[in-house]
Protein backbone atom coordinates (compact mmCIF):
# COMPACT_ATOMS: atom_id res chain seq x y z
CA UNK A 1 0.01 -0.02 0.02
CA UNK A 2 1.47 3.32 -1.13
CA UNK A 3 0.44 6.88 -0.34
CA UNK A 4 -0.59 7.35 -3.95
CA UNK A 5 -3.09 4.47 -3.53
CA UNK A 6 -4.97 6.38 -0.84
CA UNK A 7 -7.88 8.58 -1.84
CA UNK A 8 -7.58 12.20 -0.54
CA UNK A 9 -5.98 13.35 2.73
CA UNK A 10 -3.02 15.09 1.11
CA UNK A 11 -2.24 17.24 4.22
CA UNK A 12 -2.22 14.23 6.48
CA UNK A 13 0.03 12.32 4.04
CA UNK A 14 2.48 15.25 4.11
CA UNK A 15 2.57 15.24 7.90
CA UNK A 16 3.26 11.47 8.00
CA UNK A 17 5.79 11.64 5.16
CA UNK A 18 7.75 14.44 6.82
CA UNK A 19 7.82 12.65 10.18
CA UNK A 20 9.71 9.81 8.42
CA UNK A 21 11.94 12.00 6.26
CA UNK A 22 13.02 14.02 9.37
CA UNK A 23 13.28 10.87 11.56
CA UNK A 24 10.79 12.33 13.98
CA UNK A 25 8.29 9.49 13.91
CA UNK A 26 6.06 9.64 17.03
CA UNK A 27 6.53 6.71 19.39
CA UNK A 28 2.75 6.37 19.58
CA UNK A 29 0.67 7.78 16.73
CA UNK A 30 -3.17 7.89 16.66
CA UNK A 31 -4.84 8.10 13.23
CA UNK A 32 -8.51 8.74 13.89
CA UNK A 33 -11.62 9.79 12.04
CA UNK A 34 -15.00 8.55 10.77
CA UNK A 35 -15.54 5.15 9.18
CA UNK A 36 -14.90 4.52 5.52
CA UNK A 37 -12.28 7.25 4.85
CA UNK A 38 -9.23 4.97 4.47
CA UNK A 39 -7.54 5.32 7.92
CA UNK A 40 -6.32 1.73 7.98
CA UNK A 41 -4.99 1.98 4.40
CA UNK A 42 -3.27 5.24 5.32
CA UNK A 43 -1.66 3.58 8.36
CA UNK A 44 -0.47 0.71 6.22
CA UNK A 45 1.01 3.12 3.63
CA UNK A 46 2.76 5.00 6.44
CA UNK A 47 4.30 1.81 7.85
CA UNK A 48 5.42 0.69 4.34
CA UNK A 49 7.02 4.10 3.83
CA UNK A 50 8.90 3.78 7.13
CA UNK A 51 10.29 0.40 6.13
CA UNK A 52 10.90 1.07 2.38
CA UNK A 53 14.55 0.89 1.45
CA UNK A 54 14.20 2.82 -1.83
CA UNK A 55 11.88 5.80 -1.17
CA UNK A 56 11.36 8.28 -3.99
CA UNK A 57 9.14 11.27 -4.69
CA UNK A 58 7.65 11.08 -1.18
CA UNK A 59 6.37 7.57 -1.42
CA UNK A 60 7.51 4.00 -0.95
CA UNK A 61 8.86 2.22 -4.03
CA UNK A 62 6.50 -0.72 -3.95
CA UNK A 63 9.18 -3.00 -5.27
CA UNK A 64 11.85 -3.56 -2.62
CA UNK A 65 11.62 -6.75 -0.48
CA UNK A 66 10.23 -4.78 2.48
CA UNK A 67 7.45 -3.20 0.37
CA UNK A 68 6.51 -6.56 -1.15
CA UNK A 69 6.30 -8.04 2.32
CA UNK A 70 4.08 -5.20 3.40
CA UNK A 71 1.76 -5.68 0.47
CA UNK A 72 1.14 -9.27 1.47
CA UNK A 73 0.99 -8.36 5.21
CA UNK A 74 4.03 -10.57 5.86
CA UNK A 75 6.70 -8.04 6.85
CA UNK A 76 8.53 -9.57 9.85
CA UNK A 77 9.02 -6.16 11.52
CA UNK A 78 5.31 -5.32 11.27
CA UNK A 79 2.75 -6.64 13.78
CA UNK A 80 -1.01 -6.31 13.61
CA UNK A 81 -3.36 -6.11 16.61
CA UNK A 82 -7.13 -6.06 16.17
CA UNK A 83 -10.33 -7.05 17.99
CA UNK A 84 -11.11 -10.73 18.03
CA UNK A 85 -13.93 -12.91 19.27
CA UNK A 86 -12.79 -15.36 21.87
CA UNK A 87 -13.73 -18.91 21.03
CA UNK A 88 -13.19 -22.20 22.77
CA UNK A 89 -13.44 -24.55 19.72
CA UNK A 90 -10.80 -23.83 18.51
CA UNK A 91 -9.49 -21.60 21.29
CA UNK A 92 -8.65 -18.18 19.87
CA UNK A 93 -7.98 -15.08 21.78
CA UNK A 94 -5.18 -13.12 20.10
CA UNK A 95 -4.68 -11.52 16.72
CA UNK A 96 -2.10 -14.07 15.60
CA UNK A 97 -4.79 -16.70 15.60
CA UNK A 98 -6.73 -14.71 12.95
CA UNK A 99 -3.95 -13.59 10.61
CA UNK A 100 -5.23 -15.61 7.65
CA UNK A 101 -8.63 -13.95 8.07
CA UNK A 102 -6.94 -10.52 8.54
CA UNK A 103 -4.94 -10.75 5.34
CA UNK A 104 -8.06 -11.70 3.39
CA UNK A 105 -9.95 -8.82 5.01
CA UNK A 106 -7.34 -6.26 4.13
CA UNK A 107 -7.21 -7.47 0.56
CA UNK A 108 -11.01 -7.53 0.17
CA UNK A 109 -11.93 -4.45 2.26
CA UNK A 110 -9.29 -1.67 1.90
CA UNK A 111 -11.65 0.83 3.62
CA UNK A 112 -12.12 -1.49 6.61
CA UNK A 113 -15.92 -1.66 7.33
CA UNK A 114 -16.14 -3.13 10.84
CA UNK A 115 -19.28 -5.15 10.16
CA UNK A 116 -17.39 -7.06 7.38
CA UNK A 117 -14.69 -7.95 9.94
CA UNK A 118 -17.38 -9.39 12.18
CA UNK A 119 -18.61 -11.55 9.27
CA UNK A 120 -15.00 -12.56 8.39
CA UNK A 121 -14.33 -13.97 11.89
CA UNK A 122 -17.82 -15.32 12.33
CA UNK A 123 -18.35 -13.22 15.46
CA UNK A 124 -22.10 -13.98 15.64
CA UNK A 125 -23.49 -12.35 18.83
CA UNK A 126 -20.08 -11.94 20.54
CA UNK A 127 -18.43 -8.58 20.91
CA UNK A 128 -14.85 -8.65 19.57
CA UNK A 129 -12.32 -7.05 21.85
CA UNK A 130 -8.55 -6.82 22.34
CA UNK A 131 -8.05 -9.09 25.39
CA UNK A 132 -5.43 -9.09 28.05
CA UNK A 133 -3.60 -12.07 26.40
CA UNK A 134 -2.97 -9.76 23.48
CA UNK A 135 -0.97 -7.41 25.69
CA UNK A 136 1.33 -10.22 26.78
CA UNK A 137 1.72 -11.16 23.15
CA UNK A 138 2.71 -7.57 22.23
CA UNK A 139 5.23 -7.33 25.11
CA UNK A 140 6.84 -10.60 23.95
CA UNK A 141 7.16 -9.34 20.36
CA UNK A 142 8.62 -6.00 21.46
CA UNK A 143 11.44 -7.85 23.19
CA UNK A 144 12.44 -9.64 19.98
CA UNK A 145 15.24 -8.26 17.89
CA UNK A 146 14.26 -6.50 14.68
CA UNK A 147 14.55 -8.59 11.56
CA UNK A 148 16.03 -5.98 9.22
CA UNK A 149 14.34 -2.60 9.74
CA UNK A 150 15.41 0.24 12.01
CA UNK A 151 11.94 0.18 13.64
CA UNK A 152 9.48 -2.55 14.42
CA UNK A 153 5.85 -1.30 14.10
CA UNK A 154 2.85 -2.38 16.14
CA UNK A 155 -0.36 -1.42 14.30
CA UNK A 156 -3.39 -1.50 16.62
CA UNK A 157 -6.69 -1.32 14.76
CA UNK A 158 -9.59 -0.03 16.93
CA UNK A 159 -7.86 0.63 20.23
CA UNK A 160 -11.24 1.63 21.63
CA UNK A 161 -11.85 -2.15 21.83
CA UNK A 162 -8.95 -2.63 24.26
CA UNK A 163 -10.18 -4.13 27.51
CA UNK A 164 -9.04 -2.03 30.47
CA UNK A 165 -6.77 -4.69 31.94
CA UNK A 166 -5.10 -5.15 28.47
CA UNK A 167 -4.57 -1.40 28.14
CA UNK A 168 -3.10 -1.16 31.68
CA UNK A 169 -0.46 -3.73 30.77
CA UNK A 170 0.65 -1.58 27.75
CA UNK A 171 0.78 1.77 29.48
CA UNK A 172 4.42 1.78 30.43
CA UNK A 173 5.72 0.52 27.08
CA UNK A 174 3.60 3.11 25.21
CA UNK A 175 4.79 5.93 27.52
CA UNK A 176 8.39 4.83 27.52
CA UNK A 177 8.83 2.67 24.40
CA UNK A 178 11.94 0.93 23.21
CA UNK A 179 13.91 3.08 20.82
CA UNK A 180 13.33 0.55 18.00
CA UNK A 181 9.52 0.35 18.41
CA UNK A 182 6.68 2.48 17.04
CA UNK A 183 2.96 2.16 17.73
CA UNK A 184 0.32 3.17 15.18
CA UNK A 185 -3.25 3.23 16.51
CA UNK A 186 -6.19 3.48 14.07
CA UNK A 187 -9.50 4.45 15.60
CA UNK A 188 -13.10 5.06 14.47
CA UNK A 189 -14.07 6.39 17.93
CA UNK A 190 -11.19 8.18 19.60
CA UNK A 191 -13.48 9.41 22.37
CA UNK A 192 -13.98 5.81 23.42
CA UNK A 193 -10.24 5.08 23.87
CA UNK A 194 -9.20 4.79 27.49
CA UNK A 195 -7.82 8.24 28.55
CA UNK A 196 -4.65 6.71 29.77
CA UNK A 197 -3.91 5.40 26.30
CA UNK A 198 -5.27 8.43 24.38
CA UNK A 199 -3.17 10.95 26.34
CA UNK A 200 0.07 9.11 25.39
CA UNK A 201 -0.47 9.43 21.61
CA UNK A 202 0.31 12.08 19.06
CA UNK A 203 -2.75 12.50 16.84
CA UNK A 204 -3.50 12.84 13.10
CA UNK A 205 -7.15 13.48 12.49
CA UNK A 206 -8.78 12.36 9.24
CA UNK A 207 -11.85 14.07 7.90
CA UNK A 208 -14.71 12.79 5.78
CA UNK A 209 -14.04 12.52 2.06
CA UNK A 210 -15.77 15.15 -0.10
CA UNK A 211 -18.54 14.32 -2.51
CA UNK A 212 -16.23 15.30 -5.36
CA UNK A 213 -13.48 12.88 -4.26
CA UNK A 214 -15.93 10.03 -3.78
CA UNK A 215 -17.65 10.71 -7.16
CA UNK A 216 -14.28 10.83 -8.93
CA UNK A 217 -13.24 7.59 -7.36
CA UNK A 218 -16.48 5.86 -8.36
CA UNK A 219 -16.20 7.16 -11.89
CA UNK A 220 -12.65 5.99 -12.34
CA UNK A 221 -12.86 2.65 -10.55
CA UNK A 222 -16.39 1.56 -11.59
CA UNK A 223 -16.89 3.51 -14.78
CA UNK A 224 -20.01 5.31 -13.53
CA UNK A 225 -21.35 8.35 -15.31
CA UNK A 226 -20.62 11.65 -13.54
CA UNK A 227 -24.19 12.34 -12.49
CA UNK A 228 -24.71 8.71 -11.28
CA UNK A 229 -21.43 8.90 -9.27
CA UNK A 230 -22.43 12.20 -7.64
CA UNK A 231 -25.88 10.86 -6.76
CA UNK A 232 -24.30 7.96 -4.91
CA UNK A 233 -21.67 10.23 -3.28
CA UNK A 234 -24.43 12.48 -1.95
CA UNK A 235 -25.96 9.80 0.21
CA UNK A 236 -22.60 8.30 1.35
CA UNK A 237 -21.99 10.87 4.13
CA UNK A 238 -18.26 10.95 3.24
CA UNK A 239 -17.96 7.23 3.80
CA UNK A 240 -16.53 5.32 0.85
CA UNK A 241 -17.88 2.00 2.10
CA UNK A 242 -21.37 3.52 1.87
CA UNK A 243 -20.62 4.79 -1.60
CA UNK A 244 -19.37 1.43 -2.85
CA UNK A 245 -22.40 -0.25 -1.31
CA UNK A 246 -24.49 2.41 -2.99
CA UNK A 247 -23.52 1.17 -6.43
CA UNK A 248 -25.55 -1.94 -5.76
CA UNK A 249 -28.29 0.19 -4.15
CA UNK A 250 -29.14 2.39 -7.16
CA UNK A 251 -32.61 0.83 -7.31
CA UNK A 252 -32.99 1.74 -3.61
CA UNK A 253 -31.99 5.32 -4.32
CA UNK A 254 -34.65 5.48 -7.01
CA UNK A 255 -37.18 4.07 -4.57
CA UNK A 256 -36.16 6.65 -1.92
CA UNK A 257 -36.35 9.50 -4.46
CA UNK A 258 -39.95 8.50 -5.39
CA UNK A 259 -41.04 8.26 -1.73
CA UNK A 260 -39.30 11.46 -0.73
CA UNK A 261 -40.81 13.49 -3.50
CA UNK A 262 -44.29 12.05 -2.91
CA UNK A 263 -44.07 12.71 0.82
CA UNK A 264 -43.09 16.37 0.20
CA UNK A 265 -45.91 16.86 -2.31
CA UNK A 266 -48.46 15.47 0.04
CA UNK A 267 -47.12 17.49 2.97
CA UNK A 268 -47.45 20.64 0.90
CA UNK A 269 -51.15 19.99 0.11
CA UNK A 270 -51.79 18.73 3.65
CA UNK A 271 -53.06 15.35 2.46
CA UNK A 272 -52.92 13.63 5.85
CA UNK A 273 -54.50 10.38 4.69
CA UNK A 274 -51.87 9.98 1.90
CA UNK A 275 -49.10 10.87 4.42
CA UNK A 276 -50.36 8.09 6.71
CA UNK A 277 -50.15 5.56 3.83
CA UNK A 278 -46.70 6.78 2.91
CA UNK A 279 -45.51 6.58 6.49
CA UNK A 280 -46.81 2.98 6.81
CA UNK A 281 -45.02 2.09 3.60
CA UNK A 282 -41.74 3.48 4.82
CA UNK A 283 -42.11 1.72 8.19
CA UNK A 284 -42.63 -1.63 6.40
CA UNK A 285 -39.13 -1.30 4.88
CA UNK A 286 -37.48 -2.29 8.15
CA UNK A 287 -35.35 -0.45 10.61
CA UNK A 288 -32.03 -0.25 8.73
CA UNK A 289 -33.72 0.78 5.50
CA UNK A 290 -35.72 3.38 7.45
CA UNK A 291 -32.45 4.87 8.64
CA UNK A 292 -30.99 4.92 5.15
CA UNK A 293 -34.16 6.62 3.87
CA UNK A 294 -33.89 9.31 6.57
CA UNK A 295 -30.27 9.91 5.69
CA UNK A 296 -31.34 10.30 2.08
CA UNK A 297 -33.95 12.83 3.24
CA UNK A 298 -31.36 14.79 5.20
CA UNK A 299 -29.04 14.95 2.14
CA UNK A 300 -31.82 16.01 -0.20
CA UNK A 301 -33.10 18.71 2.18
CA UNK A 302 -29.59 20.16 2.44
CA UNK A 303 -29.08 19.97 -1.34
CA UNK A 304 -32.40 21.78 -1.91
CA UNK A 305 -31.41 24.53 0.49
CA UNK A 306 -28.16 25.03 -1.50
CA UNK A 307 -30.18 24.89 -4.78
CA UNK A 308 -32.45 27.58 -3.40
CA UNK A 309 -29.43 29.77 -2.69
CA UNK A 310 -28.43 29.41 -6.35
CA UNK A 311 -24.80 28.54 -5.57
CA UNK A 312 -24.31 26.13 -8.47
CA UNK A 313 -20.69 25.33 -7.61
CA UNK A 314 -21.76 23.88 -4.27
CA UNK A 315 -24.74 21.98 -5.62
CA UNK A 316 -24.39 18.28 -6.76
CA UNK A 317 -27.95 17.31 -7.51
CA UNK A 318 -28.41 14.83 -10.33
CA UNK A 319 -30.54 15.63 -13.34
CA UNK A 320 -33.70 13.85 -12.01
CA UNK A 321 -33.42 15.58 -8.65
CA UNK A 322 -32.90 18.97 -10.24
CA UNK A 323 -36.16 18.65 -12.11
CA UNK A 324 -38.07 18.24 -8.78
CA UNK A 325 -36.00 20.84 -6.95
CA UNK A 326 -36.86 23.65 -9.37
CA UNK A 327 -40.27 23.76 -7.69
CA UNK A 328 -39.53 22.30 -4.30
CA UNK A 329 -36.33 24.11 -3.27
CA UNK A 330 -38.01 27.52 -2.57
CA UNK A 331 -39.72 25.82 0.39
CA UNK A 332 -36.38 24.90 1.97
CA UNK A 333 -34.85 28.06 3.32
CA UNK A 334 -33.09 29.74 6.27
CA UNK A 335 -36.34 29.80 8.23
CA UNK A 336 -36.90 26.08 8.33
CA UNK A 337 -33.76 24.16 7.22
CA UNK A 338 -32.39 23.64 10.75
CA UNK A 339 -35.78 22.52 12.16
CA UNK A 340 -36.33 20.03 9.34
CA UNK A 341 -32.86 18.54 9.79
CA UNK A 342 -33.51 18.32 13.55
CA UNK A 343 -36.73 16.41 12.93
CA UNK A 344 -35.00 14.01 10.57
CA UNK A 345 -32.24 13.40 13.14
CA UNK A 346 -34.87 12.86 15.84
CA UNK A 347 -36.72 10.39 13.67
CA UNK A 348 -33.47 8.52 12.85
CA UNK A 349 -32.56 8.33 16.53
CA UNK A 350 -36.00 7.04 17.50
CA UNK A 351 -35.99 4.35 14.75
CA UNK A 352 -32.48 3.19 15.75
CA UNK A 353 -33.75 2.74 19.35
CA UNK A 354 -36.53 0.42 18.14
CA UNK A 355 -39.38 2.94 18.49
CA UNK A 356 -42.57 2.13 16.58
CA UNK A 357 -41.60 3.10 12.99
CA UNK A 358 -45.14 3.81 11.88
CA UNK A 359 -45.67 6.29 14.65
CA UNK A 360 -42.21 7.93 14.15
CA UNK A 361 -42.57 8.27 10.38
CA UNK A 362 -46.19 9.60 10.57
CA UNK A 363 -45.16 12.11 13.28
CA UNK A 364 -42.30 13.25 11.03
CA UNK A 365 -44.61 13.57 8.00
CA UNK A 366 -47.19 15.66 9.93
CA UNK A 367 -44.49 18.00 11.13
CA UNK A 368 -43.40 18.54 7.56
CA UNK A 369 -46.80 20.03 6.79
CA UNK A 370 -45.99 22.98 9.06
CA UNK A 371 -42.24 23.14 8.42
CA UNK A 372 -42.16 23.28 4.61
CA UNK A 373 -44.49 26.30 4.67
CA UNK A 374 -42.55 28.16 7.28
């Protein structure tokens, strides 16, 4: 994995690159940010750059023995730590027991969706964690001599999953590491990391990918038309995993568009009976699909607000949506945009907590009657 293979994040790449070039690599680095933005891939590219023996133009060469070992996740000076599900048959409790699954996962899922890792290790109803046995395993590896590189690297994916007793065993070595050892932590939820670990790290924060970056990636990799790529990017919330999944959900997007537009039309004419039928239909989709629909609503409301402001360079509506928005966007303005988004967020929160979806969606639809005429 090279820096050039990572989508976006040019400033963060520069920071990481310079730390290596100046030999000021933090002893414990935390790369954190939302899901689906390429944090794990960036951490791997950083580790490969550290170990590369033929760096050029600010990137690893991808050809030296060290780079080739990194690309197959077999570099002897690179250790991976990640949450696992403890099993008794066979007994598995440390990352080394899952390395075959981990290599497959990194090859198949470069943007590291956590739910796919759960599937890969057949976690079922268990909650994968980084157990105390893992800490003993790490300490044992740190005491080994380096194979060929100046630094051995411990990459910890999702340190928020560290059990407290496991974290406590690592505190001293993270605070006062061996000169030849570097820790790289990769986190989706840095606020959930134990403070004693978090405070000992130097941090690089990763932001969501822009709609333009995601659309460009989808067009180049999957050959999508520009408008189709933007339409998928709009509902991805800066998460490339969502966008990739969205390629197979184009029919769902079309369904959401139809329901959203019909709901707004019926709210405008105060057709309560039709709104009740629409709400029941949305509720019948199921909880996760309800949440995706509400996310679609939030995106479309924001896009119509921008369309209403007539700032074309900020607007990324597809052709079909623009046709609807010509008439609808004047009703999304500075007087109601915040309240509509608040109601969408409230509905999404209620649905995610297993509230009655029919009641939640009908309540949201009724509130729209008032809000879109504000």
